[in-house]
Each structure stands twice: as structure tokens, then as C-alpha cells.
Amino acid sequence: MWRATFSKETQSNKSSMEEIALIKQCIEGNPKAQKALFDMFAPKMFSVCLRYVKDKMRAEDVLQDALVKVYSKLPEYKFEGVFEGWIRRIVVNTCLDQLRKDKKLLKEIQVEEVSYRIEQHEFIAEKLMADDLMKLVQSMPDGYRVVFNMFAIEGYSHQEIASALGITESTSKSQYLRARAYLKDRIEKR
């Protein structure tokens, strides 16, 4: 239901002429262009950071680290695909790196061991305000939150998640099922 779907067409769209000019100016070291790029993408990317890192100050730190990486890797950008998607991937990877550093990531759990039972009927998440949903996602345990964000919001497959986090696919699936059950439980309590 929440899983983001990205078609090949959407991902292969070219960056706008304005973005291309801005990127080239940033590569040349133009501070005004760098500020404009920051203003254009920082708010969206901060939201991405907040989905992975609960604390606002830590999310700001992760965003800063991610944007430093973006600026340093700009010469590697090939002007293929959507520029925002390229930035988002760097931000998500930086968030994951931070979580690994904190050593609070996932435990190995098999799908068969999932104690929560997901019922067949869908719960009504559409009625939740975006802020309420964000708070619920932020309140999840770290392992659930990371996998939920990567799968349901960012659109990664369980295989990609497993590879990125150094876990098994079954652990990714398990954590996602637990995250859904966690959200369902919290929503029903409201």
C-alpha cells in the first residue's frame, strides 16, 4: 500500500536545464550556486534523514555529512536520471552509515520467528496526518524503522536492503513485517 513505485521512465528523466546549470556552477566552486543547491534540496533531504534518525540534531548532522558528500561527488554525476534521486541515494546511504556507526542496527531474526500476526485486512493509514505518521515512524525501533523506510518509502527491494545493511533477505522481510505490525498496533490504539 505505501510502497513507492518508481518506473524506469520516471528514473530516466533528464535533469532540468536549471538544475544542470546549477550543478555545473557548483562543480566550478561557485558559492552562490552551492547555496542555491542547498536551499533547493536540504528541506526534502532533512525529511529523509528524520525518517532514519530520530533526533533532530543528529538528523541535521547526518544531513550536513550527506551534503558534503553530494558536493564532493558532483563531478561524478553523469546527468542521467533524476538529480534528486541521486542526492537521495547519497543521503540514505549516509543515514545508514551513521546507524552502523551507532551499532544499533538489526539482529538476525528469521521470518518464521515473527511473533506479530499481520491480519489480511488493510488498516486505514490515509486518515492520518503526515506529521502523525512521521511521529509513528520515528517511534519505531531502529531496525524496523530503517527497513520500513528503505522498503515502503524509498522503494528498495528486500534483496537491495539485505545487501546494503549486511543482513539476510529474510531478516529484511521480518523487520518489515514487524514494522507494519507496530504501525498497525499504534494506529488502532488511536
C-alpha atoms as a PDB file:
ATOM      1  CA  MET A   1       0.000   0.000   0.000  1.00  0.00           C
ATOM      2  CA  TRP A   2       2.723   2.502   0.923  1.00  0.00           C
ATOM      3  CA  ARG A   3       5.425   1.008  -1.206  1.00  0.00           C
ATOM      4  CA  ALA A   4       6.775   3.635  -3.532  1.00  0.00           C
ATOM      5  CA  THR A   5       6.778   2.542  -7.141  1.00  0.00           C
ATOM      6  CA  PHE A   6       9.291   4.002  -9.487  1.00  0.00           C
ATOM      7  CA  SER A   7       9.042   3.246 -13.175  1.00  0.00           C
ATOM      8  CA  LYS A   8      12.070   3.150 -15.409  1.00  0.00           C
ATOM      9  CA  GLU A   9      10.642   6.159 -17.245  1.00  0.00           C
ATOM     10  CA  THR A  10      10.482   8.231 -14.060  1.00  0.00           C
ATOM     11  CA  GLN A  11      14.043   7.336 -13.137  1.00  0.00           C
ATOM     12  CA  SER A  12      15.422   8.075 -16.584  1.00  0.00           C
ATOM     13  CA  ASN A  13      14.011  11.611 -16.846  1.00  0.00           C
ATOM     14  CA  LYS A  14      16.690  14.177 -17.507  1.00  0.00           C
ATOM     15  CA  SER A  15      17.515  16.888 -15.001  1.00  0.00           C
ATOM     16  CA  SER A  16      16.040  20.284 -15.799  1.00  0.00           C
ATOM     17  CA  MET A  17      18.177  22.864 -17.566  1.00  0.00           C
ATOM     18  CA  GLU A  18      18.135  24.978 -14.401  1.00  0.00           C
ATOM     19  CA  GLU A  19      19.486  22.061 -12.348  1.00  0.00           C
ATOM     20  CA  ILE A  20      22.153  21.276 -14.943  1.00  0.00           C
ATOM     21  CA  ALA A  21      23.406  24.876 -14.942  1.00  0.00           C
ATOM     22  CA  LEU A  22      23.363  24.922 -11.140  1.00  0.00           C
ATOM     23  CA  ILE A  23      25.272  21.635 -10.896  1.00  0.00           C
ATOM     24  CA  LYS A  24      27.926  22.859 -13.337  1.00  0.00           C
ATOM     25  CA  GLN A  25      28.332  26.098 -11.363  1.00  0.00           C
ATOM     26  CA  CYS A  26      28.682  24.103  -8.130  1.00  0.00           C
ATOM     27  CA  ILE A  27      31.368  21.933  -9.714  1.00  0.00           C
ATOM     28  CA  GLU A  28      33.198  25.144 -10.659  1.00  0.00           C
ATOM     29  CA  GLY A  29      33.081  26.164  -6.973  1.00  0.00           C
ATOM     30  CA  ASN A  30      30.509  28.967  -7.209  1.00  0.00           C
ATOM     31  CA  PRO A  31      29.356  29.595  -3.585  1.00  0.00           C
ATOM     32  CA  LYS A  32      26.048  31.180  -4.691  1.00  0.00           C
ATOM     33  CA  ALA A  33      25.230  28.097  -6.746  1.00  0.00           C
ATOM     34  CA  GLN A  34      26.147  25.852  -3.816  1.00  0.00           C
ATOM     35  CA  LYS A  35      23.811  27.848  -1.566  1.00  0.00           C
ATOM     36  CA  ALA A  36      21.023  27.642  -4.173  1.00  0.00           C
ATOM     37  CA  LEU A  37      21.511  23.869  -4.448  1.00  0.00           C
ATOM     38  CA  PHE A  38      21.396  23.580  -0.669  1.00  0.00           C
ATOM     39  CA  ASP A  39      18.201  25.672  -0.475  1.00  0.00           C
ATOM     40  CA  MET A  40      16.613  23.571  -3.211  1.00  0.00           C
ATOM     41  CA  PHE A  41      17.244  20.144  -1.690  1.00  0.00           C
ATOM     42  CA  ALA A  42      18.042  20.471   2.033  1.00  0.00           C
ATOM     43  CA  PRO A  43      14.419  20.575   3.289  1.00  0.00           C
ATOM     44  CA  LYS A  44      13.414  17.395   1.419  1.00  0.00           C
ATOM     45  CA  MET A  45      16.599  15.603   2.369  1.00  0.00           C
ATOM     46  CA  PHE A  46      16.228  16.647   6.007  1.00  0.00           C
ATOM     47  CA  SER A  47      12.860  14.860   5.976  1.00  0.00           C
ATOM     48  CA  VAL A  48      14.623  11.761   4.652  1.00  0.00           C
ATOM     49  CA  CYS A  49      17.184  11.994   7.470  1.00  0.00           C
ATOM     50  CA  LEU A  50      14.435  12.349  10.069  1.00  0.00           C
ATOM     51  CA  ARG A  51      12.878   9.095   8.896  1.00  0.00           C
ATOM     52  CA  TYR A  52      16.093   7.251   9.693  1.00  0.00           C
ATOM     53  CA  VAL A  53      17.490   9.225  12.638  1.00  0.00           C
ATOM     54  CA  LYS A  54      15.036  10.060  15.436  1.00  0.00           C
ATOM     55  CA  ASP A  55      16.805  13.046  16.962  1.00  0.00           C
ATOM     56  CA  LYS A  56      16.612  16.358  15.052  1.00  0.00           C
ATOM     57  CA  MET A  57      20.153  17.430  15.939  1.00  0.00           C
ATOM     58  CA  ARG A  58      21.574  14.091  14.800  1.00  0.00           C
ATOM     59  CA  ALA A  59      19.482  14.313  11.623  1.00  0.00           C
ATOM     60  CA  GLU A  60      20.959  17.768  10.956  1.00  0.00           C
ATOM     61  CA  ASP A  61      24.463  16.355  11.427  1.00  0.00           C
ATOM     62  CA  VAL A  62      23.742  13.465   9.069  1.00  0.00           C
ATOM     63  CA  LEU A  63      22.277  15.875   6.504  1.00  0.00           C
ATOM     64  CA  GLN A  64      25.396  18.022   6.719  1.00  0.00           C
ATOM     65  CA  ASP A  65      27.624  14.971   6.200  1.00  0.00           C
ATOM     66  CA  ALA A  66      25.464  13.847   3.284  1.00  0.00           C
ATOM     67  CA  LEU A  67      25.552  17.240   1.595  1.00  0.00           C
ATOM     68  CA  VAL A  68      29.330  17.390   1.948  1.00  0.00           C
ATOM     69  CA  LYS A  69      29.396  14.040   0.116  1.00  0.00           C
ATOM     70  CA  VAL A  70      26.998  15.390  -2.522  1.00  0.00           C
ATOM     71  CA  TYR A  71      29.226  18.405  -3.193  1.00  0.00           C
ATOM     72  CA  SER A  72      32.375  16.285  -3.316  1.00  0.00           C
ATOM     73  CA  LYS A  73      30.766  13.743  -5.677  1.00  0.00           C
ATOM     74  CA  LEU A  74      29.135  16.282  -8.012  1.00  0.00           C
ATOM     75  CA  PRO A  75      31.879  15.856 -10.641  1.00  0.00           C
ATOM     76  CA  GLU A  76      30.891  12.141 -10.767  1.00  0.00           C
ATOM     77  CA  TYR A  77      27.228  12.928 -11.556  1.00  0.00           C
ATOM     78  CA  LYS A  78      26.601  11.853 -15.154  1.00  0.00           C
ATOM     79  CA  PHE A  79      23.479  13.982 -15.779  1.00  0.00           C
ATOM     80  CA  GLU A  80      21.467  10.790 -16.258  1.00  0.00           C
ATOM     81  CA  GLY A  81      18.305  10.157 -14.309  1.00  0.00           C
ATOM     82  CA  VAL A  82      16.681  12.441 -11.795  1.00  0.00           C
ATOM     83  CA  PHE A  83      19.194  14.542  -9.854  1.00  0.00           C
ATOM     84  CA  GLU A  84      17.051  14.495  -6.702  1.00  0.00           C
ATOM     85  CA  GLY A  85      17.124  10.685  -6.775  1.00  0.00           C
ATOM     86  CA  TRP A  86      20.914  10.761  -7.000  1.00  0.00           C
ATOM     87  CA  ILE A  87      21.077  13.057  -3.974  1.00  0.00           C
ATOM     88  CA  ARG A  88      18.508  10.957  -2.082  1.00  0.00           C
ATOM     89  CA  ARG A  89      20.593   7.815  -2.534  1.00  0.00           C
ATOM     90  CA  ILE A  90      23.639   9.576  -1.046  1.00  0.00           C
ATOM     91  CA  VAL A  91      21.520  10.847   1.874  1.00  0.00           C
ATOM     92  CA  VAL A  92      20.026   7.404   2.568  1.00  0.00           C
ATOM     93  CA  ASN A  93      23.470   5.777   2.433  1.00  0.00           C
ATOM     94  CA  THR A  94      24.841   8.414   4.814  1.00  0.00           C
ATOM     95  CA  CYS A  95      21.967   7.724   7.219  1.00  0.00           C
ATOM     96  CA  LEU A  96      22.713   4.000   7.048  1.00  0.00           C
ATOM     97  CA  ASP A  97      26.407   4.653   7.657  1.00  0.00           C
ATOM     98  CA  GLN A  98      25.516   6.665  10.749  1.00  0.00           C
ATOM     99  CA  LEU A  99      23.251   3.911  12.038  1.00  0.00           C
ATOM    100  CA  ARG A 100      26.023   1.368  11.520  1.00  0.00           C
ATOM    101  CA  LYS A 101      28.400   3.587  13.474  1.00  0.00           C
ATOM    102  CA  ASP A 102      25.910   3.717  16.313  1.00  0.00           C
ATOM    103  CA  LYS A 103      25.874  -0.096  16.354  1.00  0.00           C
ATOM    104  CA  LYS A 104      22.142  -0.110  16.946  1.00  0.00           C
ATOM    105  CA  LEU A 105      21.169  -1.936  13.811  1.00  0.00           C
ATOM    106  CA  LEU A 106      19.369  -5.160  13.142  1.00  0.00           C
ATOM    107  CA  LYS A 107      19.528  -8.522  14.855  1.00  0.00           C
ATOM    108  CA  GLU A 108      19.316 -11.692  12.834  1.00  0.00           C
ATOM    109  CA  ILE A 109      15.697 -12.866  13.030  1.00  0.00           C
ATOM    110  CA  GLN A 110      14.101 -15.432  10.748  1.00  0.00           C
ATOM    111  CA  VAL A 111      10.721 -14.726   9.162  1.00  0.00           C
ATOM    112  CA  GLU A 112       9.272 -17.821  10.817  1.00  0.00           C
ATOM    113  CA  GLU A 113      10.034 -16.313  14.237  1.00  0.00           C
ATOM    114  CA  VAL A 114       7.906 -13.210  13.702  1.00  0.00           C
ATOM    115  CA  SER A 115       5.631 -13.057  16.709  1.00  0.00           C
ATOM    116  CA  TYR A 116       3.302 -10.437  15.290  1.00  0.00           C
ATOM    117  CA  ARG A 117       0.451 -11.676  13.154  1.00  0.00           C
ATOM    118  CA  ILE A 118      -0.381  -9.467  10.225  1.00  0.00           C
ATOM    119  CA  GLU A 119      -4.085  -9.596   9.520  1.00  0.00           C
ATOM    120  CA  GLN A 120      -5.352  -9.670   5.945  1.00  0.00           C
ATOM    121  CA  HIS A 121      -7.434  -6.501   6.062  1.00  0.00           C
ATOM    122  CA  GLU A 122      -5.673  -3.236   5.360  1.00  0.00           C
ATOM    123  CA  PHE A 123      -5.718  -0.574   8.047  1.00  0.00           C
ATOM    124  CA  ILE A 124      -6.679   2.949   7.165  1.00  0.00           C
ATOM    125  CA  ALA A 125      -3.481   4.973   7.195  1.00  0.00           C
ATOM    126  CA  GLU A 126      -4.830   7.536   4.771  1.00  0.00           C
ATOM    127  CA  LYS A 127      -6.695   9.250   7.615  1.00  0.00           C
ATOM    128  CA  LEU A 128      -3.508  10.000   9.473  1.00  0.00           C
ATOM    129  CA  MET A 129      -1.951  13.367   9.004  1.00  0.00           C
ATOM    130  CA  ALA A 130       1.568  13.287   7.581  1.00  0.00           C
ATOM    131  CA  ASP A 131       3.045  14.599  10.844  1.00  0.00           C
ATOM    132  CA  ASP A 132       1.303  11.886  12.858  1.00  0.00           C
ATOM    133  CA  LEU A 133       2.615   9.225  10.519  1.00  0.00           C
ATOM    134  CA  MET A 134       6.129  10.679  10.711  1.00  0.00           C
ATOM    135  CA  LYS A 135       5.969  10.548  14.526  1.00  0.00           C
ATOM    136  CA  LEU A 136       4.851   6.932  14.412  1.00  0.00           C
ATOM    137  CA  VAL A 137       7.666   6.003  12.035  1.00  0.00           C
ATOM    138  CA  GLN A 138      10.193   7.830  14.235  1.00  0.00           C
ATOM    139  CA  SER A 139       8.946   5.970  17.311  1.00  0.00           C
ATOM    140  CA  MET A 140       9.755   2.567  15.774  1.00  0.00           C
ATOM    141  CA  PRO A 141      12.743   0.584  17.000  1.00  0.00           C
ATOM    142  CA  ASP A 142      15.778   1.287  14.811  1.00  0.00           C
ATOM    143  CA  GLY A 143      15.747  -1.999  12.869  1.00  0.00           C
ATOM    144  CA  TYR A 144      12.071  -1.725  11.994  1.00  0.00           C
ATOM    145  CA  ARG A 145      12.369   1.947  11.053  1.00  0.00           C
ATOM    146  CA  VAL A 146      15.349   1.502   8.741  1.00  0.00           C
ATOM    147  CA  VAL A 147      13.859  -1.404   6.804  1.00  0.00           C
ATOM    148  CA  PHE A 148      10.415   0.226   6.683  1.00  0.00           C
ATOM    149  CA  ASN A 149      11.883   3.440   5.278  1.00  0.00           C
ATOM    150  CA  MET A 150      14.004   1.658   2.714  1.00  0.00           C
ATOM    151  CA  PHE A 151      11.236  -0.688   1.535  1.00  0.00           C
ATOM    152  CA  ALA A 152       7.977   1.221   1.892  1.00  0.00           C
ATOM    153  CA  ILE A 153       9.167   4.780   1.334  1.00  0.00           C
ATOM    154  CA  GLU A 154      12.398   4.648  -0.669  1.00  0.00           C
ATOM    155  CA  GLY A 155      11.321   1.675  -2.802  1.00  0.00           C
ATOM    156  CA  TYR A 156      14.308  -0.628  -2.254  1.00  0.00           C
ATOM    157  CA  SER A 157      13.736  -4.382  -2.697  1.00  0.00           C
ATOM    158  CA  HIS A 158      14.401  -6.729   0.228  1.00  0.00           C
ATOM    159  CA  GLN A 159      17.417  -8.036  -1.684  1.00  0.00           C
ATOM    160  CA  GLU A 160      18.821  -4.487  -2.008  1.00  0.00           C
ATOM    161  CA  ILE A 161      18.123  -3.799   1.676  1.00  0.00           C
ATOM    162  CA  ALA A 162      19.846  -7.014   2.711  1.00  0.00           C
ATOM    163  CA  SER A 163      22.884  -6.101   0.645  1.00  0.00           C
ATOM    164  CA  ALA A 164      23.040  -2.511   1.909  1.00  0.00           C
ATOM    165  CA  LEU A 165      22.662  -3.484   5.578  1.00  0.00           C
ATOM    166  CA  GLY A 166      24.657  -6.714   5.555  1.00  0.00           C
ATOM    167  CA  ILE A 167      21.680  -8.836   6.640  1.00  0.00           C
ATOM    168  CA  THR A 168      19.694 -11.640   5.061  1.00  0.00           C
ATOM    169  CA  GLU A 169      16.649 -11.091   2.890  1.00  0.00           C
ATOM    170  CA  SER A 170      14.543 -12.955   5.435  1.00  0.00           C
ATOM    171  CA  THR A 171      15.687 -10.543   8.150  1.00  0.00           C
ATOM    172  CA  SER A 172      14.666  -7.615   5.963  1.00  0.00           C
ATOM    173  CA  LYS A 173      11.241  -9.168   5.373  1.00  0.00           C
ATOM    174  CA  SER A 174      10.886  -9.948   9.060  1.00  0.00           C
ATOM    175  CA  GLN A 175      11.759  -6.419  10.122  1.00  0.00           C
ATOM    176  CA  TYR A 176       9.327  -5.005   7.572  1.00  0.00           C
ATOM    177  CA  LEU A 177       6.510  -7.249   8.808  1.00  0.00           C
ATOM    178  CA  ARG A 178       7.261  -6.219  12.369  1.00  0.00           C
ATOM    179  CA  ALA A 179       7.291  -2.544  11.366  1.00  0.00           C
ATOM    180  CA  ARG A 180       3.877  -2.913   9.733  1.00  0.00           C
ATOM    181  CA  ALA A 181       2.518  -4.686  12.783  1.00  0.00           C
ATOM    182  CA  TYR A 182       3.983  -1.973  15.001  1.00  0.00           C
ATOM    183  CA  LEU A 183       2.307   0.762  12.938  1.00  0.00           C
ATOM    184  CA  LYS A 184      -0.969  -1.147  12.812  1.00  0.00           C
ATOM    185  CA  ASP A 185      -0.962  -1.541  16.582  1.00  0.00           C
ATOM    186  CA  ARG A 186      -0.223   2.150  17.177  1.00  0.00           C
ATOM    187  CA  ILE A 187      -2.844   3.275  14.683  1.00  0.00           C
ATOM    188  CA  GLU A 188      -5.519   1.043  16.203  1.00  0.00           C
ATOM    189  CA  LYS A 189      -4.756   2.480  19.644  1.00  0.00           C
ATOM    190  CA  ARG A 190      -5.598   5.930  18.311  1.00  0.00           C
END
